[in-house]
Amino acid sequence: MQPGEVEFHCSVFELKRRIDEGEEVFLLDVREVVEAETANLGGKLIPLGELPARLRELDPRQEIIVYCHHGVRSAAAANYLRANGLGRARNLAGGIDRWSLDVDSSVRRY
């Protein structure tokens, strides 16, 4: 990594630690509405297909942890955000499913 460059992936353990330490973390959920209704981490919901039209809703100075079900859509979203001026976007590796398995089993798996 270059100086000032932000790591692309964020593990569920890193996210949990940061939340436990009281850090305000901006979460972006790029799943569909029905998925967010099934299980969520409380992130701002912007489905992946709506992201280009809703970029203005995001702060380019803020670190954004992007998540989806397994981490595939969120990786694409984080790459898109980085390519469009939001260089601090990061992908939550393994998505909400990994969060449920490794951090909080009360988050419903689907």
N, C-alpha and C. Protein backbone atom coordinates (compact mmCIF):
# COMPACT_ATOMS: atom_id res chain seq x y z
N MET A 1 0.83 -1.19 0.00
CA MET A 1 0.00 0.00 0.00
C MET A 1 0.87 1.25 0.00
N GLN A 2 0.38 2.26 -0.66
CA GLN A 2 1.05 3.55 -0.69
C GLN A 2 0.67 4.34 0.56
N PRO A 3 1.52 5.30 0.98
CA PRO A 3 1.15 6.15 2.12
C PRO A 3 -0.19 6.83 1.88
N GLY A 4 -1.05 6.78 2.88
CA GLY A 4 -2.37 7.39 2.79
C GLY A 4 -3.42 6.52 2.11
N GLU A 5 -2.98 5.41 1.51
CA GLU A 5 -3.92 4.51 0.85
C GLU A 5 -4.69 3.70 1.90
N VAL A 6 -5.95 3.47 1.64
CA VAL A 6 -6.81 2.74 2.57
C VAL A 6 -6.92 1.29 2.11
N GLU A 7 -6.75 0.36 3.03
CA GLU A 7 -6.91 -1.07 2.75
C GLU A 7 -8.29 -1.30 2.12
N PHE A 8 -8.36 -2.18 1.13
CA PHE A 8 -9.62 -2.42 0.42
C PHE A 8 -10.61 -3.23 1.25
N HIS A 9 -10.14 -4.27 1.92
CA HIS A 9 -11.04 -5.15 2.68
C HIS A 9 -11.04 -4.79 4.16
N CYS A 10 -12.18 -4.98 4.77
CA CYS A 10 -12.34 -4.83 6.20
C CYS A 10 -12.90 -6.17 6.69
N SER A 11 -12.25 -6.77 7.67
CA SER A 11 -12.76 -8.03 8.20
C SER A 11 -13.90 -7.75 9.17
N VAL A 12 -14.72 -8.76 9.39
CA VAL A 12 -15.81 -8.61 10.36
C VAL A 12 -15.24 -8.38 11.76
N PHE A 13 -14.06 -8.95 12.03
CA PHE A 13 -13.44 -8.78 13.36
C PHE A 13 -12.97 -7.34 13.55
N GLU A 14 -12.40 -6.75 12.50
CA GLU A 14 -11.99 -5.34 12.58
C GLU A 14 -13.20 -4.44 12.79
N LEU A 15 -14.26 -4.69 12.03
CA LEU A 15 -15.47 -3.88 12.17
C LEU A 15 -16.04 -4.02 13.57
N LYS A 16 -16.12 -5.22 14.09
CA LYS A 16 -16.64 -5.45 15.44
C LYS A 16 -15.81 -4.70 16.47
N ARG A 17 -14.50 -4.78 16.35
CA ARG A 17 -13.61 -4.09 17.29
C ARG A 17 -13.85 -2.58 17.25
N ARG A 18 -13.94 -2.05 16.07
CA ARG A 18 -14.13 -0.61 15.93
C ARG A 18 -15.47 -0.16 16.52
N ILE A 19 -16.51 -0.93 16.29
CA ILE A 19 -17.83 -0.62 16.86
C ILE A 19 -17.76 -0.72 18.38
N ASP A 20 -17.14 -1.79 18.89
CA ASP A 20 -17.01 -1.98 20.34
C ASP A 20 -16.23 -0.85 21.01
N GLU A 21 -15.28 -0.28 20.27
CA GLU A 21 -14.48 0.83 20.80
C GLU A 21 -15.21 2.17 20.69
N GLY A 22 -16.44 2.14 20.18
CA GLY A 22 -17.25 3.35 20.11
C GLY A 22 -17.00 4.21 18.89
N GLU A 23 -16.25 3.69 17.94
CA GLU A 23 -15.97 4.44 16.73
C GLU A 23 -17.24 4.52 15.87
N GLU A 24 -17.49 5.69 15.34
CA GLU A 24 -18.61 5.83 14.42
C GLU A 24 -18.15 5.32 13.06
N VAL A 25 -18.80 4.28 12.59
CA VAL A 25 -18.44 3.64 11.33
C VAL A 25 -19.62 3.79 10.38
N PHE A 26 -19.35 4.30 9.17
CA PHE A 26 -20.42 4.45 8.19
C PHE A 26 -20.53 3.16 7.40
N LEU A 27 -21.68 2.50 7.51
CA LEU A 27 -21.94 1.26 6.79
C LEU A 27 -22.87 1.53 5.62
N LEU A 28 -22.54 0.96 4.47
CA LEU A 28 -23.37 1.07 3.29
C LEU A 28 -23.79 -0.32 2.86
N ASP A 29 -25.08 -0.56 2.86
CA ASP A 29 -25.67 -1.84 2.49
C ASP A 29 -26.09 -1.76 1.03
N VAL A 30 -25.49 -2.59 0.17
CA VAL A 30 -25.82 -2.54 -1.27
C VAL A 30 -26.72 -3.71 -1.70
N ARG A 31 -27.36 -4.36 -0.73
CA ARG A 31 -28.28 -5.45 -1.05
C ARG A 31 -29.63 -4.87 -1.47
N GLU A 32 -30.53 -5.73 -1.84
CA GLU A 32 -31.88 -5.32 -2.20
C GLU A 32 -32.72 -5.12 -0.94
N VAL A 33 -33.80 -4.38 -1.06
CA VAL A 33 -34.67 -4.05 0.07
C VAL A 33 -35.13 -5.31 0.80
N VAL A 34 -35.57 -6.33 0.08
CA VAL A 34 -36.06 -7.55 0.73
C VAL A 34 -34.96 -8.22 1.56
N GLU A 35 -33.73 -8.13 1.11
CA GLU A 35 -32.62 -8.70 1.89
C GLU A 35 -32.40 -7.90 3.17
N ALA A 36 -32.46 -6.59 3.06
CA ALA A 36 -32.27 -5.73 4.23
C ALA A 36 -33.39 -5.93 5.25
N GLU A 37 -34.58 -6.27 4.75
CA GLU A 37 -35.70 -6.55 5.66
C GLU A 37 -35.50 -7.89 6.36
N THR A 38 -34.76 -8.79 5.75
CA THR A 38 -34.50 -10.12 6.33
C THR A 38 -33.47 -10.04 7.44
N ALA A 39 -32.39 -9.32 7.19
CA ALA A 39 -31.30 -9.18 8.15
C ALA A 39 -30.52 -7.93 7.81
N ASN A 40 -30.07 -7.20 8.82
CA ASN A 40 -29.27 -6.01 8.51
C ASN A 40 -28.34 -5.65 9.64
N LEU A 41 -27.38 -4.79 9.31
CA LEU A 41 -26.42 -4.28 10.28
C LEU A 41 -26.66 -2.81 10.59
N GLY A 42 -27.76 -2.29 10.07
CA GLY A 42 -28.09 -0.89 10.33
C GLY A 42 -27.42 0.09 9.40
N GLY A 43 -26.92 -0.38 8.28
CA GLY A 43 -26.27 0.51 7.33
C GLY A 43 -27.27 1.26 6.46
N LYS A 44 -26.76 2.29 5.79
CA LYS A 44 -27.58 3.03 4.82
C LYS A 44 -27.81 2.12 3.63
N LEU A 45 -29.05 1.95 3.25
CA LEU A 45 -29.40 1.05 2.15
C LEU A 45 -29.42 1.79 0.83
N ILE A 46 -28.52 1.42 -0.06
CA ILE A 46 -28.54 1.87 -1.46
C ILE A 46 -28.25 0.63 -2.28
N PRO A 47 -29.28 -0.02 -2.83
CA PRO A 47 -29.05 -1.22 -3.64
C PRO A 47 -28.03 -0.94 -4.75
N LEU A 48 -27.23 -1.93 -5.06
CA LEU A 48 -26.14 -1.78 -6.01
C LEU A 48 -26.58 -1.12 -7.32
N GLY A 49 -27.71 -1.51 -7.85
CA GLY A 49 -28.20 -0.95 -9.10
C GLY A 49 -28.54 0.53 -9.02
N GLU A 50 -28.77 1.05 -7.82
CA GLU A 50 -29.11 2.46 -7.63
C GLU A 50 -27.89 3.32 -7.32
N LEU A 51 -26.76 2.68 -7.08
CA LEU A 51 -25.58 3.39 -6.60
C LEU A 51 -25.14 4.53 -7.52
N PRO A 52 -25.04 4.34 -8.83
CA PRO A 52 -24.60 5.45 -9.68
C PRO A 52 -25.47 6.70 -9.55
N ALA A 53 -26.77 6.52 -9.45
CA ALA A 53 -27.69 7.65 -9.35
C ALA A 53 -27.70 8.29 -7.97
N ARG A 54 -27.15 7.60 -6.97
CA ARG A 54 -27.24 8.10 -5.60
C ARG A 54 -25.88 8.42 -4.97
N LEU A 55 -24.86 8.54 -5.79
CA LEU A 55 -23.51 8.84 -5.28
C LEU A 55 -23.48 10.10 -4.43
N ARG A 56 -24.27 11.09 -4.78
CA ARG A 56 -24.27 12.37 -4.05
C ARG A 56 -24.68 12.21 -2.58
N GLU A 57 -25.29 11.09 -2.25
CA GLU A 57 -25.71 10.86 -0.87
C GLU A 57 -24.54 10.45 0.03
N LEU A 58 -23.39 10.20 -0.58
CA LEU A 58 -22.23 9.71 0.17
C LEU A 58 -21.15 10.79 0.26
N ASP A 59 -20.46 10.82 1.38
CA ASP A 59 -19.42 11.81 1.64
C ASP A 59 -18.06 11.26 1.19
N PRO A 60 -17.43 11.89 0.19
CA PRO A 60 -16.16 11.37 -0.31
C PRO A 60 -15.01 11.44 0.69
N ARG A 61 -15.18 12.22 1.76
CA ARG A 61 -14.13 12.31 2.79
C ARG A 61 -14.25 11.20 3.84
N GLN A 62 -15.37 10.54 3.86
CA GLN A 62 -15.67 9.55 4.90
C GLN A 62 -15.26 8.15 4.48
N GLU A 63 -14.76 7.39 5.43
CA GLU A 63 -14.54 5.97 5.17
C GLU A 63 -15.91 5.30 5.12
N ILE A 64 -16.10 4.47 4.11
CA ILE A 64 -17.38 3.78 3.93
C ILE A 64 -17.10 2.28 3.91
N ILE A 65 -17.72 1.54 4.82
CA ILE A 65 -17.62 0.09 4.83
C ILE A 65 -18.86 -0.43 4.10
N VAL A 66 -18.64 -1.04 2.95
CA VAL A 66 -19.73 -1.52 2.10
C VAL A 66 -19.96 -3.01 2.36
N TYR A 67 -21.22 -3.39 2.51
CA TYR A 67 -21.50 -4.81 2.71
C TYR A 67 -22.69 -5.27 1.89
N CYS A 68 -22.72 -6.58 1.66
CA CYS A 68 -23.82 -7.24 0.97
C CYS A 68 -24.00 -8.60 1.65
N HIS A 69 -24.49 -9.57 0.94
CA HIS A 69 -24.73 -10.89 1.51
C HIS A 69 -23.42 -11.64 1.79
N HIS A 70 -22.61 -11.82 0.74
CA HIS A 70 -21.37 -12.58 0.88
C HIS A 70 -20.11 -11.79 0.56
N GLY A 71 -20.25 -10.57 0.07
CA GLY A 71 -19.09 -9.73 -0.21
C GLY A 71 -18.77 -9.52 -1.68
N VAL A 72 -19.52 -10.15 -2.57
CA VAL A 72 -19.25 -10.01 -4.01
C VAL A 72 -19.78 -8.67 -4.52
N ARG A 73 -21.05 -8.38 -4.27
CA ARG A 73 -21.62 -7.10 -4.71
C ARG A 73 -20.95 -5.93 -4.02
N SER A 74 -20.64 -6.10 -2.74
CA SER A 74 -20.01 -4.99 -2.02
C SER A 74 -18.59 -4.73 -2.52
N ALA A 75 -17.88 -5.76 -2.96
CA ALA A 75 -16.56 -5.55 -3.55
C ALA A 75 -16.69 -4.74 -4.84
N ALA A 76 -17.68 -5.09 -5.66
CA ALA A 76 -17.92 -4.34 -6.89
C ALA A 76 -18.30 -2.89 -6.56
N ALA A 77 -19.14 -2.72 -5.56
CA ALA A 77 -19.56 -1.38 -5.15
C ALA A 77 -18.39 -0.57 -4.63
N ALA A 78 -17.55 -1.17 -3.80
CA ALA A 78 -16.38 -0.46 -3.26
C ALA A 78 -15.44 -0.05 -4.38
N ASN A 79 -15.24 -0.92 -5.35
CA ASN A 79 -14.40 -0.57 -6.51
C ASN A 79 -15.03 0.59 -7.28
N TYR A 80 -16.33 0.54 -7.49
CA TYR A 80 -17.03 1.61 -8.19
C TYR A 80 -16.89 2.93 -7.43
N LEU A 81 -17.10 2.88 -6.12
CA LEU A 81 -16.99 4.09 -5.31
C LEU A 81 -15.58 4.68 -5.39
N ARG A 82 -14.58 3.83 -5.27
CA ARG A 82 -13.19 4.29 -5.35
C ARG A 82 -12.90 4.92 -6.71
N ALA A 83 -13.43 4.36 -7.75
CA ALA A 83 -13.20 4.88 -9.10
C ALA A 83 -13.95 6.19 -9.35
N ASN A 84 -14.89 6.51 -8.46
CA ASN A 84 -15.70 7.70 -8.63
C ASN A 84 -15.55 8.70 -7.49
N GLY A 85 -14.34 8.77 -6.95
CA GLY A 85 -14.01 9.81 -5.99
C GLY A 85 -14.22 9.49 -4.54
N LEU A 86 -14.62 8.28 -4.21
CA LEU A 86 -14.80 7.90 -2.81
C LEU A 86 -13.71 6.88 -2.46
N GLY A 87 -12.49 7.38 -2.38
CA GLY A 87 -11.31 6.55 -2.23
C GLY A 87 -11.15 5.82 -0.92
N ARG A 88 -12.01 6.12 0.03
CA ARG A 88 -11.91 5.44 1.33
C ARG A 88 -12.93 4.33 1.48
N ALA A 89 -13.58 3.94 0.38
CA ALA A 89 -14.56 2.85 0.42
C ALA A 89 -13.84 1.52 0.63
N ARG A 90 -14.42 0.68 1.48
CA ARG A 90 -13.85 -0.63 1.79
C ARG A 90 -14.94 -1.68 1.73
N ASN A 91 -14.54 -2.88 1.38
CA ASN A 91 -15.46 -4.01 1.29
C ASN A 91 -15.43 -4.81 2.60
N LEU A 92 -16.61 -5.12 3.14
CA LEU A 92 -16.68 -6.00 4.31
C LEU A 92 -16.54 -7.43 3.81
N ALA A 93 -15.38 -8.00 4.03
CA ALA A 93 -15.07 -9.35 3.53
C ALA A 93 -16.04 -10.37 4.12
N GLY A 94 -16.70 -11.12 3.22
CA GLY A 94 -17.63 -12.15 3.66
C GLY A 94 -19.04 -11.66 3.90
N GLY A 95 -19.24 -10.35 3.89
CA GLY A 95 -20.56 -9.77 4.01
C GLY A 95 -21.28 -10.06 5.31
N ILE A 96 -22.58 -9.84 5.26
CA ILE A 96 -23.42 -10.02 6.45
C ILE A 96 -23.46 -11.50 6.87
N ASP A 97 -23.27 -12.41 5.92
CA ASP A 97 -23.25 -13.82 6.26
C ASP A 97 -22.06 -14.14 7.16
N ARG A 98 -20.89 -13.61 6.83
CA ARG A 98 -19.69 -13.83 7.66
C ARG A 98 -19.88 -13.17 9.02
N TRP A 99 -20.52 -12.00 9.05
CA TRP A 99 -20.81 -11.33 10.32
C TRP A 99 -21.65 -12.25 11.21
N SER A 100 -22.69 -12.84 10.63
CA SER A 100 -23.57 -13.73 11.36
C SER A 100 -22.82 -14.96 11.88
N LEU A 101 -21.95 -15.52 11.05
CA LEU A 101 -21.21 -16.72 11.43
C LEU A 101 -20.14 -16.46 12.50
N ASP A 102 -19.42 -15.35 12.38
CA ASP A 102 -18.25 -15.12 13.22
C ASP A 102 -18.42 -14.10 14.33
N VAL A 103 -19.42 -13.23 14.23
CA VAL A 103 -19.52 -12.13 15.21
C VAL A 103 -20.83 -12.16 15.97
N ASP A 104 -21.96 -12.22 15.27
CA ASP A 104 -23.25 -12.08 15.92
C ASP A 104 -24.27 -13.05 15.31
N SER A 105 -24.44 -14.18 15.95
CA SER A 105 -25.35 -15.20 15.42
C SER A 105 -26.82 -14.79 15.49
N SER A 106 -27.12 -13.69 16.17
CA SER A 106 -28.50 -13.23 16.19
C SER A 106 -28.90 -12.55 14.89
N VAL A 107 -27.91 -12.22 14.05
CA VAL A 107 -28.21 -11.68 12.73
C VAL A 107 -28.60 -12.87 11.86
N ARG A 108 -29.81 -12.82 11.35
CA ARG A 108 -30.37 -13.96 10.61
C ARG A 108 -29.58 -14.26 9.35
N ARG A 109 -29.31 -15.53 9.15
CA ARG A 109 -28.68 -16.00 7.90
C ARG A 109 -29.77 -16.35 6.91
N TYR A 110 -29.48 -16.14 5.65
CA TYR A 110 -30.45 -16.46 4.59
C TYR A 110 -29.73 -16.94 3.37
